[in-house]
Amino acid sequence: MNPENFTHKTNEALFNAHELAVNNGHPQITPIHLALSLISDKNGIFYQAMSNVGGGDESAKSVERVLNQALKKIPSQTPPPDQVPPSTSLIKVIRRAQSHQKSRGDTHLAVDQLILGLLEDSQVGDVLKEAGVSGARVKTEVEKLRGKEGTKVSSASGDSNFQALKTYGRDLVEQAAKLDPVIGRDEEIRRVVRILSRRTKNNPVLIGEPGVGKTAVVEGLAQRIVRGDVPSNLNDVRLVALDMGALVAGAKYRGEFEERLKSVLKEVEERSKER
């Protein structure tokens, strides 16, 4: 098991699992430590998959709660051991993940393959059952979150960009019900709708000083899409606000920001072909 052949996210999950075991005085790193380190990342694939299974965040929180209960049942020792190796069951999880990696043709072990290996563990299976979550459905969601069938992980940061739009953006159409009503911007919204409905040169640009209402125009458009108060070509479209702060945040490695931006553009292009 060479960490150089793992992605940054996989190494980060394993490191966090190790820290969890050390802090609790546990003699070994188990699949429970790894599952807990993965589900603690609210923007991670494991948390997203749990939420998508049904019940939203409550499903993920329920699994996290049962994992914490299972963690407390693991025998601990004081003082904590100097060396905390992976348990036999965790090594099996990683080997299963590497088998998934080979079948996918990835050069690095991605975090979604690690999760697939983890879902086959009996301890984790018992936790999901107790939390009332179907392991088979979680597996399906994890596989879906990678995106297009042919997507391969060919670099150490290759799995940082799964579901890029969901990770680095906000779907305003989904959040339309929570947005404040937009008043006095009907003309601007109508002009944006007209531009979007053109066959060519259909990229509206809103320019103005901070606070003049650029975001309000976009939010007003999202509310109209939900109400169906738009031309048929704009029905069922997604309106995503890109979060530049999230794109930059945590970009520790050279070229990581550029990779994230490319993955967002690539996903937009793929989604537009589906329409």
Protein backbone atom coordinates (compact mmCIF):
# COMPACT_ATOMS: atom_id res chain seq x y z
CA MET A 1 0.00 0.00 0.00
CA ASN A 2 1.98 2.93 -1.33
CA PRO A 3 0.44 6.31 -0.29
CA GLU A 4 1.93 7.86 -3.44
CA ASN A 5 -0.59 5.81 -5.44
CA PHE A 6 -3.49 7.25 -3.41
CA THR A 7 -5.24 10.53 -4.13
CA HIS A 8 -4.89 13.44 -1.70
CA LYS A 9 -8.45 12.89 -0.47
CA THR A 10 -7.82 9.17 0.17
CA ASN A 11 -4.63 9.97 2.09
CA GLU A 12 -6.47 12.68 4.03
CA ALA A 13 -9.27 10.24 4.99
CA LEU A 14 -6.75 7.61 6.15
CA PHE A 15 -4.76 10.22 8.09
CA ASN A 16 -7.92 11.46 9.84
CA ALA A 17 -8.88 7.87 10.66
CA HIS A 18 -5.42 7.37 12.21
CA GLU A 19 -5.77 10.56 14.27
CA LEU A 20 -9.20 9.42 15.46
CA ALA A 21 -7.79 6.10 16.64
CA VAL A 22 -4.81 7.77 18.39
CA ASN A 23 -6.99 10.39 20.14
CA ASN A 24 -9.29 7.67 21.48
CA GLY A 25 -6.45 5.43 22.63
CA HIS A 26 -7.41 2.61 20.25
CA PRO A 27 -4.76 0.00 19.39
CA GLN A 28 -5.74 -0.28 15.70
CA ILE A 29 -7.34 1.75 12.90
CA THR A 30 -10.60 0.06 11.95
CA PRO A 31 -13.18 0.56 9.17
CA ILE A 32 -15.30 2.41 11.78
CA HIS A 33 -12.56 5.07 12.17
CA LEU A 34 -12.34 5.43 8.39
CA ALA A 35 -16.12 5.65 7.91
CA LEU A 36 -16.36 8.30 10.63
CA SER A 37 -13.53 10.35 9.12
CA LEU A 38 -15.25 10.21 5.70
CA ILE A 39 -18.75 11.12 6.87
CA SER A 40 -17.40 14.03 8.95
CA ASP A 41 -16.63 15.85 5.69
CA LYS A 42 -19.97 17.55 4.89
CA ASN A 43 -18.83 18.29 1.31
CA GLY A 44 -17.45 14.79 0.78
CA ILE A 45 -18.80 12.00 -1.42
CA PHE A 46 -19.76 9.73 1.51
CA TYR A 47 -21.89 12.42 3.19
CA GLN A 48 -23.49 13.41 -0.15
CA ALA A 49 -24.30 9.78 -0.97
CA MET A 50 -25.89 9.24 2.44
CA SER A 51 -27.99 12.40 2.01
CA ASN A 52 -29.11 11.39 -1.48
CA VAL A 53 -30.33 7.96 -0.34
CA GLY A 54 -33.37 9.61 1.23
CA GLY A 55 -34.09 11.80 4.20
CA GLY A 56 -31.50 14.43 3.26
CA ASP A 57 -28.99 15.40 5.92
CA GLU A 58 -30.91 13.40 8.53
CA SER A 59 -29.79 10.10 6.94
CA ALA A 60 -26.14 11.16 7.06
CA LYS A 61 -26.46 12.43 10.63
CA SER A 62 -28.13 9.19 11.70
CA VAL A 63 -25.25 7.14 10.27
CA GLU A 64 -22.72 9.47 11.92
CA ARG A 65 -24.50 9.08 15.26
CA VAL A 66 -24.44 5.25 15.06
CA LEU A 67 -20.76 5.34 14.00
CA ASN A 68 -19.93 7.42 17.09
CA GLN A 69 -21.73 4.86 19.25
CA ALA A 70 -19.74 2.05 17.61
CA LEU A 71 -16.51 4.01 18.17
CA LYS A 72 -17.17 4.17 21.92
CA LYS A 73 -17.46 0.36 22.05
CA ILE A 74 -13.92 -0.17 20.69
CA PRO A 75 -11.53 -1.09 23.54
CA SER A 76 -9.08 1.69 24.43
CA GLN A 77 -5.89 1.84 26.46
CA THR A 78 -4.17 4.51 28.56
CA PRO A 79 -1.58 5.72 27.73
CA PRO A 80 -2.33 5.31 24.00
CA PRO A 81 -0.02 2.94 22.08
CA ASP A 82 3.05 4.38 20.31
CA GLN A 83 2.16 2.66 17.05
CA VAL A 84 -1.42 2.40 15.74
CA PRO A 85 -1.45 0.07 12.70
CA PRO A 86 -4.42 -0.63 10.42
CA SER A 87 -6.53 -3.61 11.45
CA THR A 88 -6.83 -6.70 9.24
CA SER A 89 -10.37 -5.65 8.26
CA LEU A 90 -9.17 -2.18 7.19
CA ILE A 91 -6.40 -3.71 5.07
CA LYS A 92 -9.08 -5.84 3.38
CA VAL A 93 -11.13 -2.68 2.74
CA ILE A 94 -8.15 -1.04 1.01
CA ARG A 95 -7.44 -4.17 -1.05
CA ARG A 96 -11.06 -4.30 -2.20
CA ALA A 97 -10.83 -0.60 -3.08
CA GLN A 98 -7.67 -1.26 -5.10
CA SER A 99 -9.54 -3.99 -6.96
CA HIS A 100 -12.27 -1.44 -7.85
CA GLN A 101 -9.50 0.98 -8.87
CA LYS A 102 -8.01 -1.53 -11.34
CA SER A 103 -11.41 -2.31 -12.87
CA ARG A 104 -11.99 1.43 -13.37
CA GLY A 105 -8.55 1.98 -14.89
CA ASP A 106 -7.57 4.72 -12.41
CA THR A 107 -3.90 5.49 -11.79
CA HIS A 108 -4.58 6.57 -8.18
CA LEU A 109 -6.85 5.11 -5.50
CA ALA A 110 -9.76 7.57 -5.38
CA VAL A 111 -11.93 8.19 -2.33
CA ASP A 112 -15.07 6.80 -4.00
CA GLN A 113 -13.32 3.45 -4.56
CA LEU A 114 -12.26 3.52 -0.90
CA ILE A 115 -15.93 4.00 0.07
CA LEU A 116 -17.03 1.10 -2.17
CA GLY A 117 -14.48 -1.12 -0.42
CA LEU A 118 -15.72 0.16 2.94
CA LEU A 119 -19.37 -0.61 2.16
CA GLU A 120 -18.48 -4.31 1.82
CA ASP A 121 -17.18 -4.42 5.40
CA SER A 122 -19.46 -6.28 7.83
CA GLN A 123 -19.01 -3.74 10.67
CA VAL A 124 -19.97 -0.83 8.42
CA GLY A 125 -22.87 -2.88 7.03
CA ASP A 126 -24.20 -3.40 10.56
CA VAL A 127 -23.94 0.35 11.25
CA LEU A 128 -25.91 1.22 8.09
CA LYS A 129 -28.56 -1.37 8.98
CA GLU A 130 -28.92 0.07 12.48
CA ALA A 131 -29.22 3.59 11.04
CA GLY A 132 -31.93 2.39 8.64
CA VAL A 133 -29.87 3.08 5.50
CA SER A 134 -29.58 0.64 2.59
CA GLY A 135 -25.94 -0.19 1.76
CA ALA A 136 -26.89 -1.13 -1.81
CA ARG A 137 -28.51 2.29 -2.37
CA VAL A 138 -25.50 4.08 -0.89
CA LYS A 139 -23.27 2.14 -3.30
CA THR A 140 -25.45 3.22 -6.24
CA GLU A 141 -25.27 6.86 -5.12
CA VAL A 142 -21.47 6.73 -4.71
CA GLU A 143 -21.12 5.33 -8.23
CA LYS A 144 -23.45 8.07 -9.56
CA LEU A 145 -21.51 10.86 -7.86
CA ARG A 146 -18.41 10.19 -9.95
CA GLY A 147 -20.41 11.37 -12.93
CA LYS A 148 -19.95 10.20 -16.49
CA GLU A 149 -19.26 6.48 -16.91
CA GLY A 150 -15.87 6.94 -18.57
CA THR A 151 -14.45 9.34 -15.97
CA LYS A 152 -11.03 8.18 -14.76
CA VAL A 153 -8.82 9.44 -11.94
CA SER A 154 -5.42 10.10 -13.45
CA SER A 155 -3.82 12.36 -10.82
CA ALA A 156 -3.52 12.73 -7.05
CA SER A 157 -6.19 15.44 -7.09
CA GLY A 158 -8.42 13.70 -9.65
CA ASP A 159 -11.21 12.92 -7.17
CA SER A 160 -11.41 16.46 -5.78
CA ASN A 161 -13.71 17.46 -8.60
CA PHE A 162 -16.53 14.89 -8.55
CA GLN A 163 -19.88 16.71 -8.66
CA ALA A 164 -18.05 20.00 -9.14
CA LEU A 165 -21.22 22.07 -9.60
CA LYS A 166 -22.71 20.73 -6.36
CA THR A 167 -19.43 21.22 -4.46
CA TYR A 168 -18.54 24.70 -5.71
CA GLY A 169 -21.95 26.15 -6.54
CA ARG A 170 -25.49 26.77 -5.27
CA ASP A 171 -28.49 25.69 -7.32
CA LEU A 172 -30.72 28.78 -7.09
CA VAL A 173 -33.68 26.95 -8.63
CA GLU A 174 -33.56 24.37 -5.82
CA GLN A 175 -33.32 27.17 -3.25
CA ALA A 176 -35.91 29.45 -4.89
CA ALA A 177 -38.48 28.89 -2.13
CA LYS A 178 -35.98 30.15 0.47
CA LEU A 179 -35.03 33.30 -1.47
CA ASP A 180 -36.50 36.71 -0.69
CA PRO A 181 -39.13 38.02 -3.13
CA VAL A 182 -37.66 40.24 -5.87
CA ILE A 183 -39.53 43.55 -6.29
CA GLY A 184 -39.03 46.20 -8.97
CA ARG A 185 -36.72 44.19 -11.25
CA ASP A 186 -39.26 42.85 -13.76
CA GLU A 187 -37.81 44.74 -16.75
CA GLU A 188 -34.25 43.55 -16.05
CA ILE A 189 -35.42 39.94 -15.56
CA ARG A 190 -37.41 40.08 -18.83
CA ARG A 191 -34.31 41.34 -20.68
CA VAL A 192 -32.21 38.49 -19.26
CA VAL A 193 -34.91 35.99 -20.33
CA ARG A 194 -34.94 37.46 -23.88
CA ILE A 195 -31.15 37.19 -24.17
CA LEU A 196 -31.13 33.60 -22.85
CA SER A 197 -33.80 32.70 -25.42
CA ARG A 198 -31.69 33.79 -28.40
CA ARG A 199 -30.15 31.14 -30.66
CA THR A 200 -26.79 32.97 -30.71
CA LYS A 201 -25.17 35.62 -28.50
CA ASN A 202 -27.22 34.34 -25.59
CA ASN A 203 -24.88 35.19 -22.70
CA PRO A 204 -26.31 38.02 -20.54
CA VAL A 205 -23.80 39.99 -18.44
CA LEU A 206 -24.96 41.98 -15.41
CA ILE A 207 -22.62 44.86 -14.63
CA GLY A 208 -22.92 47.32 -11.76
CA GLU A 209 -21.60 48.53 -8.43
CA PRO A 210 -21.95 46.27 -5.37
CA GLY A 211 -25.48 46.42 -3.92
CA VAL A 212 -27.37 47.60 -7.01
CA GLY A 213 -29.26 44.31 -7.34
CA LYS A 214 -27.37 42.06 -9.78
CA THR A 215 -27.87 38.98 -7.62
CA ALA A 216 -31.54 39.90 -7.10
CA VAL A 217 -32.12 39.77 -10.88
CA VAL A 218 -30.67 36.24 -11.03
CA GLU A 219 -32.66 35.13 -7.98
CA GLY A 220 -35.81 36.60 -9.57
CA LEU A 221 -35.12 34.54 -12.68
CA ALA A 222 -34.75 31.39 -10.54
CA GLN A 223 -38.14 32.09 -8.92
CA ARG A 224 -39.75 32.55 -12.35
CA ILE A 225 -38.32 29.23 -13.55
CA VAL A 226 -39.89 27.48 -10.54
CA ARG A 227 -43.26 29.18 -11.23
CA GLY A 228 -43.06 28.28 -14.93
CA ASP A 229 -43.19 31.97 -15.86
CA VAL A 230 -40.50 31.59 -18.56
CA PRO A 231 -40.42 30.45 -22.22
CA SER A 232 -40.49 26.67 -22.77
CA ASN A 233 -36.75 26.56 -23.61
CA LEU A 234 -35.97 27.70 -20.04
CA ASN A 235 -38.27 25.21 -18.30
CA ASP A 236 -36.45 22.66 -16.08
CA VAL A 237 -33.07 24.42 -16.41
CA ARG A 238 -30.59 24.68 -13.55
CA LEU A 239 -29.34 28.07 -12.43
CA VAL A 240 -26.09 27.66 -10.49
CA ALA A 241 -24.31 30.44 -8.59
CA LEU A 242 -20.59 29.64 -8.60
CA ASP A 243 -18.89 30.19 -5.23
CA MET A 244 -15.41 31.55 -6.03
CA GLY A 245 -14.48 31.37 -2.35
CA ALA A 246 -15.18 27.62 -2.31
CA LEU A 247 -13.20 27.17 -5.54
CA VAL A 248 -10.12 28.76 -3.98
CA ALA A 249 -10.54 27.44 -0.42
CA GLY A 250 -8.22 24.59 0.49
CA ALA A 251 -6.41 24.56 -2.87
CA LYS A 252 -3.12 23.44 -1.37
CA TYR A 253 -1.48 21.91 -4.42
CA ARG A 254 -0.11 23.57 -7.52
CA GLY A 255 -2.70 23.77 -10.27
CA GLU A 256 -5.53 22.54 -8.01
CA PHE A 257 -7.62 25.71 -8.50
CA GLU A 258 -7.26 25.40 -12.28
CA GLU A 259 -8.30 21.72 -12.11
CA ARG A 260 -11.39 22.63 -10.09
CA LEU A 261 -12.39 25.34 -12.56
CA LYS A 262 -11.87 23.00 -15.53
CA SER A 263 -14.00 20.33 -13.85
CA VAL A 264 -16.83 22.87 -13.35
CA LEU A 265 -16.70 23.90 -17.03
CA LYS A 266 -16.52 20.25 -18.13
CA GLU A 267 -19.58 19.32 -16.06
CA VAL A 268 -21.52 22.31 -17.45
CA GLU A 269 -20.61 21.17 -20.97
CA GLU A 270 -21.69 17.57 -20.25
CA ARG A 271 -25.00 18.71 -18.72
CA SER A 272 -25.74 20.96 -21.71
CA LYS A 273 -25.32 17.97 -24.05
CA GLU A 274 -27.86 15.99 -22.01
CA ARG A 275 -30.56 18.61 -22.65
